[in-house]
């Protein structure tokens, strides 16, 4: 009976761990001060991470091309990112 209880407990713990992984926030723990313009030009999507939420620091989270992991940069880079993306839109003729 003790073996069955141990197996059931193990299965329940494994189920809880797997079901909560989706709820765990992925936060930047440090940031880069600068990023080359060539990298900024390849940003596919981005968002701002705020320290007032689940994460400890403010950061600009960039998803670049086919890179699997995002790049965490200082929030001061937001204006530069917007400028580079705007120039990319102008060159491609896709302004809104």
PDB file of N, CA and C in Angstrom:
ATOM      1  N   UNK A   1       0.817  -1.200   0.000  1.00  0.00           N
ATOM      2  CA  UNK A   1       0.000   0.000   0.000  1.00  0.00           C
ATOM      3  C   UNK A   1       0.858   1.259   0.000  1.00  0.00           C
ATOM      4  N   UNK A   2       1.984   1.245   0.691  1.00  0.00           N
ATOM      5  CA  UNK A   2       2.847   2.405   0.735  1.00  0.00           C
ATOM      6  C   UNK A   2       3.424   2.725  -0.642  1.00  0.00           C
ATOM      7  N   UNK A   3       3.719   1.723  -1.432  1.00  0.00           N
ATOM      8  CA  UNK A   3       4.263   1.931  -2.773  1.00  0.00           C
ATOM      9  C   UNK A   3       3.227   2.599  -3.669  1.00  0.00           C
ATOM     10  N   UNK A   4       1.977   2.154  -3.560  1.00  0.00           N
ATOM     11  CA  UNK A   4       0.906   2.759  -4.356  1.00  0.00           C
ATOM     12  C   UNK A   4       0.727   4.234  -3.986  1.00  0.00           C
ATOM     13  N   UNK A   5       0.759   4.518  -2.716  1.00  0.00           N
ATOM     14  CA  UNK A   5       0.602   5.906  -2.257  1.00  0.00           C
ATOM     15  C   UNK A   5       1.753   6.764  -2.757  1.00  0.00           C
ATOM     16  N   UNK A   6       2.958   6.216  -2.757  1.00  0.00           N
ATOM     17  CA  UNK A   6       4.119   6.962  -3.246  1.00  0.00           C
ATOM     18  C   UNK A   6       4.001   7.226  -4.741  1.00  0.00           C
ATOM     19  N   UNK A   7       3.553   6.238  -5.491  1.00  0.00           N
ATOM     20  CA  UNK A   7       3.397   6.394  -6.940  1.00  0.00           C
ATOM     21  C   UNK A   7       2.318   7.430  -7.245  1.00  0.00           C
ATOM     22  N   UNK A   8       1.206   7.348  -6.542  1.00  0.00           N
ATOM     23  CA  UNK A   8       0.116   8.312  -6.751  1.00  0.00           C
ATOM     24  C   UNK A   8       0.597   9.725  -6.400  1.00  0.00           C
ATOM     25  N   UNK A   9       1.301   9.870  -5.303  1.00  0.00           N
ATOM     26  CA  UNK A   9       1.827  11.176  -4.903  1.00  0.00           C
ATOM     27  C   UNK A   9       2.795  11.713  -5.949  1.00  0.00           C
ATOM     28  N   UNK A  10       3.677  10.861  -6.439  1.00  0.00           N
ATOM     29  CA  UNK A  10       4.630  11.274  -7.471  1.00  0.00           C
ATOM     30  C   UNK A  10       3.903  11.745  -8.725  1.00  0.00           C
ATOM     31  N   UNK A  11       2.894  10.991  -9.142  1.00  0.00           N
ATOM     32  CA  UNK A  11       2.136  11.373 -10.339  1.00  0.00           C
ATOM     33  C   UNK A  11       1.416  12.705 -10.159  1.00  0.00           C
ATOM     34  N   UNK A  12       0.854  12.919  -8.982  1.00  0.00           N
ATOM     35  CA  UNK A  12       0.172  14.189  -8.717  1.00  0.00           C
ATOM     36  C   UNK A  12       1.146  15.364  -8.722  1.00  0.00           C
ATOM     37  N   UNK A  13       2.301  15.170  -8.126  1.00  0.00           N
ATOM     38  CA  UNK A  13       3.316  16.226  -8.117  1.00  0.00           C
ATOM     39  C   UNK A  13       3.773  16.524  -9.539  1.00  0.00           C
ATOM     40  N   UNK A  14       4.006  15.492 -10.342  1.00  0.00           N
ATOM     41  CA  UNK A  14       4.415  15.689 -11.736  1.00  0.00           C
ATOM     42  C   UNK A  14       3.341  16.435 -12.511  1.00  0.00           C
ATOM     43  N   UNK A  15       2.081  16.112 -12.270  1.00  0.00           N
ATOM     44  CA  UNK A  15       0.980  16.786 -12.952  1.00  0.00           C
ATOM     45  C   UNK A  15       0.922  18.259 -12.574  1.00  0.00           C
ATOM     46  N   UNK A  16       1.088  18.570 -11.300  1.00  0.00           N
ATOM     47  CA  UNK A  16       1.056  19.958 -10.838  1.00  0.00           C
ATOM     48  C   UNK A  16       2.203  20.747 -11.441  1.00  0.00           C
ATOM     49  N   UNK A  17       3.388  20.171 -11.471  1.00  0.00           N
ATOM     50  CA  UNK A  17       4.553  20.862 -12.038  1.00  0.00           C
ATOM     51  C   UNK A  17       4.330  21.146 -13.515  1.00  0.00           C
ATOM     52  N   UNK A  18       3.843  20.185 -14.269  1.00  0.00           N
ATOM     53  CA  UNK A  18       3.608  20.386 -15.701  1.00  0.00           C
ATOM     54  C   UNK A  18       2.510  21.395 -15.963  1.00  0.00           C
ATOM     55  N   UNK A  19       1.467  21.398 -15.156  1.00  0.00           N
ATOM     56  CA  UNK A  19       0.358  22.313 -15.410  1.00  0.00           C
ATOM     57  C   UNK A  19       0.688  23.747 -15.021  1.00  0.00           C
ATOM     58  N   UNK A  20       1.643  23.960 -14.122  1.00  0.00           N
ATOM     59  CA  UNK A  20       1.977  25.324 -13.722  1.00  0.00           C
ATOM     60  C   UNK A  20       3.089  25.928 -14.550  1.00  0.00           C
ATOM     61  N   UNK A  21       3.763  25.154 -15.378  1.00  0.00           N
ATOM     62  CA  UNK A  21       4.846  25.710 -16.189  1.00  0.00           C
ATOM     63  C   UNK A  21       4.347  26.809 -17.113  1.00  0.00           C
ATOM     64  N   UNK A  22       3.135  26.654 -17.636  1.00  0.00           N
ATOM     65  CA  UNK A  22       2.582  27.668 -18.518  1.00  0.00           C
ATOM     66  C   UNK A  22       2.319  28.977 -17.802  1.00  0.00           C
ATOM     67  N   UNK A  23       2.133  28.958 -16.483  1.00  0.00           N
ATOM     68  CA  UNK A  23       1.839  30.154 -15.734  1.00  0.00           C
ATOM     69  C   UNK A  23       3.066  30.862 -15.198  1.00  0.00           C
ATOM     70  N   UNK A  24       4.228  30.253 -15.338  1.00  0.00           N
ATOM     71  CA  UNK A  24       5.446  30.861 -14.830  1.00  0.00           C
ATOM     72  C   UNK A  24       5.916  31.930 -15.810  1.00  0.00           C
ATOM     73  N   UNK A  25       6.085  33.115 -15.319  1.00  0.00           N
ATOM     74  CA  UNK A  25       6.499  34.226 -16.162  1.00  0.00           C
ATOM     75  C   UNK A  25       7.993  34.133 -16.488  1.00  0.00           C
ATOM     76  N   UNK A  26       8.340  34.445 -17.722  1.00  0.00           N
ATOM     77  CA  UNK A  26       9.742  34.471 -18.123  1.00  0.00           C
ATOM     78  C   UNK A  26      10.201  35.923 -18.078  1.00  0.00           C
ATOM     79  N   UNK A  27      10.995  36.222 -17.102  1.00  0.00           N
ATOM     80  CA  UNK A  27      11.445  37.589 -16.879  1.00  0.00           C
ATOM     81  C   UNK A  27      12.906  37.751 -17.272  1.00  0.00           C
ATOM     82  N   UNK A  28      13.234  38.940 -17.746  1.00  0.00           N
ATOM     83  CA  UNK A  28      14.632  39.298 -17.954  1.00  0.00           C
ATOM     84  C   UNK A  28      15.250  39.523 -16.579  1.00  0.00           C
ATOM     85  N   UNK A  29      16.459  39.029 -16.396  1.00  0.00           N
ATOM     86  CA  UNK A  29      17.129  39.249 -15.119  1.00  0.00           C
ATOM     87  C   UNK A  29      18.256  40.262 -15.233  1.00  0.00           C
ATOM     88  N   UNK A  30      18.651  40.577 -16.470  1.00  0.00           N
ATOM     89  CA  UNK A  30      19.605  41.662 -16.716  1.00  0.00           C
ATOM     90  C   UNK A  30      19.371  42.189 -18.124  1.00  0.00           C
ATOM     91  N   UNK A  31      19.935  43.352 -18.410  1.00  0.00           N
ATOM     92  CA  UNK A  31      19.711  43.969 -19.714  1.00  0.00           C
ATOM     93  C   UNK A  31      21.027  44.400 -20.346  1.00  0.00           C
ATOM     94  N   UNK A  32      20.995  44.473 -21.667  1.00  0.00           N
ATOM     95  CA  UNK A  32      22.118  45.058 -22.404  1.00  0.00           C
ATOM     96  C   UNK A  32      21.885  46.560 -22.491  1.00  0.00           C
ATOM     97  N   UNK A  33      22.959  47.295 -22.470  1.00  0.00           N
ATOM     98  CA  UNK A  33      22.836  48.763 -22.571  1.00  0.00           C
ATOM     99  C   UNK A  33      22.534  49.195 -24.004  1.00  0.00           C
ATOM    100  N   UNK A  34      23.169  48.535 -24.964  1.00  0.00           N
ATOM    101  CA  UNK A  34      22.971  48.889 -26.375  1.00  0.00           C
ATOM    102  C   UNK A  34      22.849  47.630 -27.217  1.00  0.00           C
ATOM    103  N   UNK A  35      22.283  47.816 -28.405  1.00  0.00           N
ATOM    104  CA  UNK A  35      22.160  46.756 -29.402  1.00  0.00           C
ATOM    105  C   UNK A  35      22.458  47.396 -30.752  1.00  0.00           C
ATOM    106  N   UNK A  36      23.208  46.732 -31.631  1.00  0.00           N
ATOM    107  CA  UNK A  36      23.495  47.307 -32.942  1.00  0.00           C
ATOM    108  C   UNK A  36      22.214  47.560 -33.748  1.00  0.00           C
ATOM    109  N   UNK A  37      22.238  48.598 -34.571  1.00  0.00           N
ATOM    110  CA  UNK A  37      21.069  48.936 -35.390  1.00  0.00           C
ATOM    111  C   UNK A  37      20.689  47.802 -36.331  1.00  0.00           C
ATOM    112  N   UNK A  38      21.690  47.024 -36.782  1.00  0.00           N
ATOM    113  CA  UNK A  38      21.403  45.894 -37.664  1.00  0.00           C
ATOM    114  C   UNK A  38      20.523  44.863 -36.961  1.00  0.00           C
ATOM    115  N   UNK A  39      20.730  44.689 -35.669  1.00  0.00           N
ATOM    116  CA  UNK A  39      19.910  43.757 -34.894  1.00  0.00           C
ATOM    117  C   UNK A  39      18.526  44.366 -34.664  1.00  0.00           C
ATOM    118  N   UNK A  40      18.476  45.642 -34.324  1.00  0.00           N
ATOM    119  CA  UNK A  40      17.185  46.306 -34.118  1.00  0.00           C
ATOM    120  C   UNK A  40      16.323  46.241 -35.374  1.00  0.00           C
ATOM    121  N   UNK A  41      16.950  46.326 -36.533  1.00  0.00           N
ATOM    122  CA  UNK A  41      16.210  46.288 -37.795  1.00  0.00           C
ATOM    123  C   UNK A  41      15.563  44.925 -38.040  1.00  0.00           C
ATOM    124  N   UNK A  42      16.032  43.893 -37.355  1.00  0.00           N
ATOM    125  CA  UNK A  42      15.494  42.541 -37.552  1.00  0.00           C
ATOM    126  C   UNK A  42      14.477  42.133 -36.490  1.00  0.00           C
ATOM    127  N   UNK A  43      14.093  43.072 -35.632  1.00  0.00           N
ATOM    128  CA  UNK A  43      13.131  42.763 -34.565  1.00  0.00           C
ATOM    129  C   UNK A  43      11.774  42.439 -35.195  1.00  0.00           C
ATOM    130  N   UNK A  44      11.221  41.289 -34.827  1.00  0.00           N
ATOM    131  CA  UNK A  44       9.914  40.860 -35.326  1.00  0.00           C
ATOM    132  C   UNK A  44       8.785  41.342 -34.412  1.00  0.00           C
ATOM    133  N   UNK A  45       9.034  41.258 -33.104  1.00  0.00           N
ATOM    134  CA  UNK A  45       8.069  41.752 -32.122  1.00  0.00           C
ATOM    135  C   UNK A  45       8.809  42.126 -30.852  1.00  0.00           C
ATOM    136  N   UNK A  46       8.159  42.936 -30.028  1.00  0.00           N
ATOM    137  CA  UNK A  46       8.776  43.379 -28.787  1.00  0.00           C
ATOM    138  C   UNK A  46       7.696  43.793 -27.797  1.00  0.00           C
ATOM    139  N   UNK A  47       8.082  43.821 -26.545  1.00  0.00           N
ATOM    140  CA  UNK A  47       7.191  44.337 -25.516  1.00  0.00           C
ATOM    141  C   UNK A  47       8.023  44.870 -24.358  1.00  0.00           C
ATOM    142  N   UNK A  48       7.371  45.659 -23.523  1.00  0.00           N
ATOM    143  CA  UNK A  48       8.026  46.247 -22.364  1.00  0.00           C
ATOM    144  C   UNK A  48       7.723  45.379 -21.147  1.00  0.00           C
ATOM    145  N   UNK A  49       8.764  45.010 -20.413  1.00  0.00           N
ATOM    146  CA  UNK A  49       8.617  44.279 -19.160  1.00  0.00           C
ATOM    147  C   UNK A  49       8.723  45.300 -18.030  1.00  0.00           C
ATOM    148  N   UNK A  50       7.777  45.271 -17.110  1.00  0.00           N
ATOM    149  CA  UNK A  50       7.766  46.248 -16.023  1.00  0.00           C
ATOM    150  C   UNK A  50       8.072  45.589 -14.676  1.00  0.00           C
ATOM    151  N   UNK A  51       8.821  46.293 -13.864  1.00  0.00           N
ATOM    152  CA  UNK A  51       9.162  45.776 -12.533  1.00  0.00           C
ATOM    153  C   UNK A  51       7.962  45.821 -11.587  1.00  0.00           C
ATOM    154  N   UNK A  52       6.930  46.543 -11.950  1.00  0.00           N
ATOM    155  CA  UNK A  52       5.740  46.607 -11.102  1.00  0.00           C
ATOM    156  C   UNK A  52       4.873  45.358 -11.250  1.00  0.00           C
ATOM    157  N   UNK A  53       5.214  44.503 -12.213  1.00  0.00           N
ATOM    158  CA  UNK A  53       4.461  43.269 -12.402  1.00  0.00           C
ATOM    159  C   UNK A  53       5.148  42.112 -11.704  1.00  0.00           C
ATOM    160  N   UNK A  54       5.231  40.986 -12.390  1.00  0.00           N
ATOM    161  CA  UNK A  54       5.833  39.781 -11.819  1.00  0.00           C
ATOM    162  C   UNK A  54       7.358  39.810 -11.847  1.00  0.00           C
ATOM    163  N   UNK A  55       7.925  40.667 -12.663  1.00  0.00           N
ATOM    164  CA  UNK A  55       9.372  40.672 -12.865  1.00  0.00           C
ATOM    165  C   UNK A  55      10.059  41.722 -11.983  1.00  0.00           C
ATOM    166  N   UNK A  56      11.360  41.544 -11.779  1.00  0.00           N
ATOM    167  CA  UNK A  56      12.109  42.409 -10.867  1.00  0.00           C
ATOM    168  C   UNK A  56      12.645  43.683 -11.507  1.00  0.00           C
ATOM    169  N   UNK A  57      12.837  43.667 -12.843  1.00  0.00           N
ATOM    170  CA  UNK A  57      13.439  44.836 -13.502  1.00  0.00           C
ATOM    171  C   UNK A  57      12.607  45.267 -14.697  1.00  0.00           C
ATOM    172  N   UNK A  58      12.752  46.549 -15.055  1.00  0.00           N
ATOM    173  CA  UNK A  58      12.184  47.047 -16.301  1.00  0.00           C
ATOM    174  C   UNK A  58      13.114  46.637 -17.430  1.00  0.00           C
ATOM    175  N   UNK A  59      12.545  46.210 -18.548  1.00  0.00           N
ATOM    176  CA  UNK A  59      13.355  45.819 -19.697  1.00  0.00           C
ATOM    177  C   UNK A  59      12.520  45.903 -20.960  1.00  0.00           C
ATOM    178  N   UNK A  60      13.207  46.078 -22.058  1.00  0.00           N
ATOM    179  CA  UNK A  60      12.610  46.017 -23.376  1.00  0.00           C
ATOM    180  C   UNK A  60      12.959  44.634 -23.918  1.00  0.00           C
ATOM    181  N   UNK A  61      11.958  43.812 -24.182  1.00  0.00           N
ATOM    182  CA  UNK A  61      12.173  42.426 -24.602  1.00  0.00           C
ATOM    183  C   UNK A  61      11.983  42.352 -26.116  1.00  0.00           C
ATOM    184  N   UNK A  62      13.059  41.975 -26.814  1.00  0.00           N
ATOM    185  CA  UNK A  62      13.060  41.958 -28.278  1.00  0.00           C
ATOM    186  C   UNK A  62      13.129  40.530 -28.805  1.00  0.00           C
ATOM    187  N   UNK A  63      12.292  40.229 -29.780  1.00  0.00           N
ATOM    188  CA  UNK A  63      12.353  38.947 -30.483  1.00  0.00           C
ATOM    189  C   UNK A  63      12.890  39.229 -31.873  1.00  0.00           C
ATOM    190  N   UNK A  64      14.065  38.687 -32.152  1.00  0.00           N
ATOM    191  CA  UNK A  64      14.781  39.010 -33.384  1.00  0.00           C
ATOM    192  C   UNK A  64      14.778  37.811 -34.322  1.00  0.00           C
ATOM    193  N   UNK A  65      14.229  38.026 -35.524  1.00  0.00           N
ATOM    194  CA  UNK A  65      14.280  37.013 -36.572  1.00  0.00           C
ATOM    195  C   UNK A  65      13.973  35.617 -36.091  1.00  0.00           C
ATOM    196  N   UNK A  66      14.878  34.706 -36.374  1.00  0.00           N
ATOM    197  CA  UNK A  66      14.668  33.300 -36.031  1.00  0.00           C
ATOM    198  C   UNK A  66      15.324  32.911 -34.705  1.00  0.00           C
ATOM    199  N   UNK A  67      15.843  33.889 -33.969  1.00  0.00           N
ATOM    200  CA  UNK A  67      16.452  33.587 -32.676  1.00  0.00           C
ATOM    201  C   UNK A  67      15.373  33.055 -31.748  1.00  0.00           C
ATOM    202  N   UNK A  68      15.676  31.999 -31.038  1.00  0.00           N
ATOM    203  CA  UNK A  68      14.684  31.401 -30.147  1.00  0.00           C
ATOM    204  C   UNK A  68      14.519  32.178 -28.848  1.00  0.00           C
ATOM    205  N   UNK A  69      15.595  32.716 -28.328  1.00  0.00           N
ATOM    206  CA  UNK A  69      15.537  33.449 -27.068  1.00  0.00           C
ATOM    207  C   UNK A  69      15.440  34.945 -27.335  1.00  0.00           C
ATOM    208  N   UNK A  70      14.658  35.643 -26.532  1.00  0.00           N
ATOM    209  CA  UNK A  70      14.580  37.097 -26.696  1.00  0.00           C
ATOM    210  C   UNK A  70      15.838  37.780 -26.177  1.00  0.00           C
ATOM    211  N   UNK A  71      16.017  39.009 -26.611  1.00  0.00           N
ATOM    212  CA  UNK A  71      17.109  39.854 -26.129  1.00  0.00           C
ATOM    213  C   UNK A  71      16.490  40.849 -25.153  1.00  0.00           C
ATOM    214  N   UNK A  72      17.102  40.985 -24.005  1.00  0.00           N
ATOM    215  CA  UNK A  72      16.641  41.942 -23.001  1.00  0.00           C
ATOM    216  C   UNK A  72      17.553  43.163 -23.051  1.00  0.00           C
ATOM    217  N   UNK A  73      16.967  44.315 -23.340  1.00  0.00           N
ATOM    218  CA  UNK A  73      17.762  45.539 -23.418  1.00  0.00           C
ATOM    219  C   UNK A  73      17.179  46.588 -22.468  1.00  0.00           C
ATOM    220  N   UNK A  74      18.005  47.582 -22.173  1.00  0.00           N
ATOM    221  CA  UNK A  74      17.590  48.669 -21.295  1.00  0.00           C
ATOM    222  C   UNK A  74      16.436  49.425 -21.940  1.00  0.00           C
ATOM    223  N   UNK A  75      15.542  49.923 -21.122  1.00  0.00           N
ATOM    224  CA  UNK A  75      14.359  50.626 -21.632  1.00  0.00           C
ATOM    225  C   UNK A  75      14.714  51.896 -22.393  1.00  0.00           C
ATOM    226  N   UNK A  76      15.922  52.427 -22.182  1.00  0.00           N
ATOM    227  CA  UNK A  76      16.356  53.617 -22.930  1.00  0.00           C
ATOM    228  C   UNK A  76      16.458  53.345 -24.427  1.00  0.00           C
ATOM    229  N   UNK A  77      16.480  52.076 -24.829  1.00  0.00           N
ATOM    230  CA  UNK A  77      16.594  51.720 -26.246  1.00  0.00           C
ATOM    231  C   UNK A  77      15.258  51.801 -26.985  1.00  0.00           C
ATOM    232  N   UNK A  78      14.162  52.062 -26.287  1.00  0.00           N
ATOM    233  CA  UNK A  78      12.852  52.059 -26.931  1.00  0.00           C
ATOM    234  C   UNK A  78      12.753  53.089 -28.057  1.00  0.00           C
ATOM    235  N   UNK A  79      13.209  54.304 -27.818  1.00  0.00           N
ATOM    236  CA  UNK A  79      13.129  55.337 -28.859  1.00  0.00           C
ATOM    237  C   UNK A  79      13.952  54.953 -30.080  1.00  0.00           C
ATOM    238  N   UNK A  80      15.144  54.410 -29.857  1.00  0.00           N
ATOM    239  CA  UNK A  80      15.994  53.971 -30.974  1.00  0.00           C
ATOM    240  C   UNK A  80      15.319  52.841 -31.748  1.00  0.00           C
ATOM    241  N   UNK A  81      14.710  51.905 -31.035  1.00  0.00           N
ATOM    242  CA  UNK A  81      13.997  50.807 -31.687  1.00  0.00           C
ATOM    243  C   UNK A  81      12.861  51.345 -32.546  1.00  0.00           C
ATOM    244  N   UNK A  82      12.083  52.271 -32.005  1.00  0.00           N
ATOM    245  CA  UNK A  82      10.969  52.841 -32.772  1.00  0.00           C
ATOM    246  C   UNK A  82      11.465  53.562 -34.028  1.00  0.00           C
ATOM    247  N   UNK A  83      12.595  54.277 -33.905  1.00  0.00           N
ATOM    248  CA  UNK A  83      13.168  54.974 -35.063  1.00  0.00           C
ATOM    249  C   UNK A  83      13.586  53.984 -36.151  1.00  0.00           C
ATOM    250  N   UNK A  84      14.282  52.925 -35.743  1.00  0.00           N
ATOM    251  CA  UNK A  84      14.764  51.928 -36.703  1.00  0.00           C
ATOM    252  C   UNK A  84      13.588  51.213 -37.367  1.00  0.00           C
ATOM    253  N   UNK A  85      12.583  50.848 -36.600  1.00  0.00           N
ATOM    254  CA  UNK A  85      11.419  50.166 -37.179  1.00  0.00           C
ATOM    255  C   UNK A  85      10.634  51.083 -38.111  1.00  0.00           C
ATOM    256  N   UNK A  86      10.573  52.369 -37.766  1.00  0.00           N
ATOM    257  CA  UNK A  86       9.889  53.326 -38.638  1.00  0.00           C
ATOM    258  C   UNK A  86      10.632  53.467 -39.972  1.00  0.00           C
ATOM    259  N   UNK A  87      11.963  53.526 -39.897  1.00  0.00           N
ATOM    260  CA  UNK A  87      12.762  53.606 -41.128  1.00  0.00           C
ATOM    261  C   UNK A  87      12.568  52.348 -41.974  1.00  0.00           C
ATOM    262  N   UNK A  88      12.457  51.198 -41.335  1.00  0.00           N
ATOM    263  CA  UNK A  88      12.231  49.949 -42.063  1.00  0.00           C
ATOM    264  C   UNK A  88      10.877  49.992 -42.767  1.00  0.00           C
ATOM    265  N   UNK A  89       9.860  50.510 -42.089  1.00  0.00           N
ATOM    266  CA  UNK A  89       8.535  50.627 -42.705  1.00  0.00           C
ATOM    267  C   UNK A  89       8.567  51.571 -43.898  1.00  0.00           C
ATOM    268  N   UNK A  90       9.283  52.682 -43.764  1.00  0.00           N
ATOM    269  CA  UNK A  90       9.366  53.654 -44.863  1.00  0.00           C
ATOM    270  C   UNK A  90      10.052  53.022 -46.071  1.00  0.00           C
ATOM    271  N   UNK A  91      11.148  52.293 -45.818  1.00  0.00           N
ATOM    272  CA  UNK A  91      11.857  51.646 -46.921  1.00  0.00           C
ATOM    273  C   UNK A  91      11.023  50.577 -47.611  1.00  0.00           C
ATOM    274  N   UNK A  92      10.221  49.867 -46.825  1.00  0.00           N
ATOM    275  CA  UNK A  92       9.377  48.809 -47.396  1.00  0.00           C
ATOM    276  C   UNK A  92       8.060  49.342 -47.925  1.00  0.00           C
ATOM    277  N   UNK A  93       7.769  50.603 -47.630  1.00  0.00           N
ATOM    278  CA  UNK A  93       6.527  51.218 -48.094  1.00  0.00           C
ATOM    279  C   UNK A  93       5.302  50.688 -47.375  1.00  0.00           C
ATOM    280  N   UNK A  94       5.452  50.337 -46.108  1.00  0.00           N
ATOM    281  CA  UNK A  94       4.344  49.783 -45.350  1.00  0.00           C
ATOM    282  C   UNK A  94       3.963  50.660 -44.170  1.00  0.00           C
ATOM    283  N   UNK A  95       3.970  51.977 -44.352  1.00  0.00           N
ATOM    284  CA  UNK A  95       3.596  52.869 -43.254  1.00  0.00           C
ATOM    285  C   UNK A  95       2.098  52.806 -43.042  1.00  0.00           C
ATOM    286  N   UNK A  96       1.689  53.036 -41.800  1.00  0.00           N
ATOM    287  CA  UNK A  96       0.249  52.979 -41.450  1.00  0.00           C
ATOM    288  C   UNK A  96      -0.311  54.345 -41.342  1.00  0.00           C
TER     289      UNK A  96
END
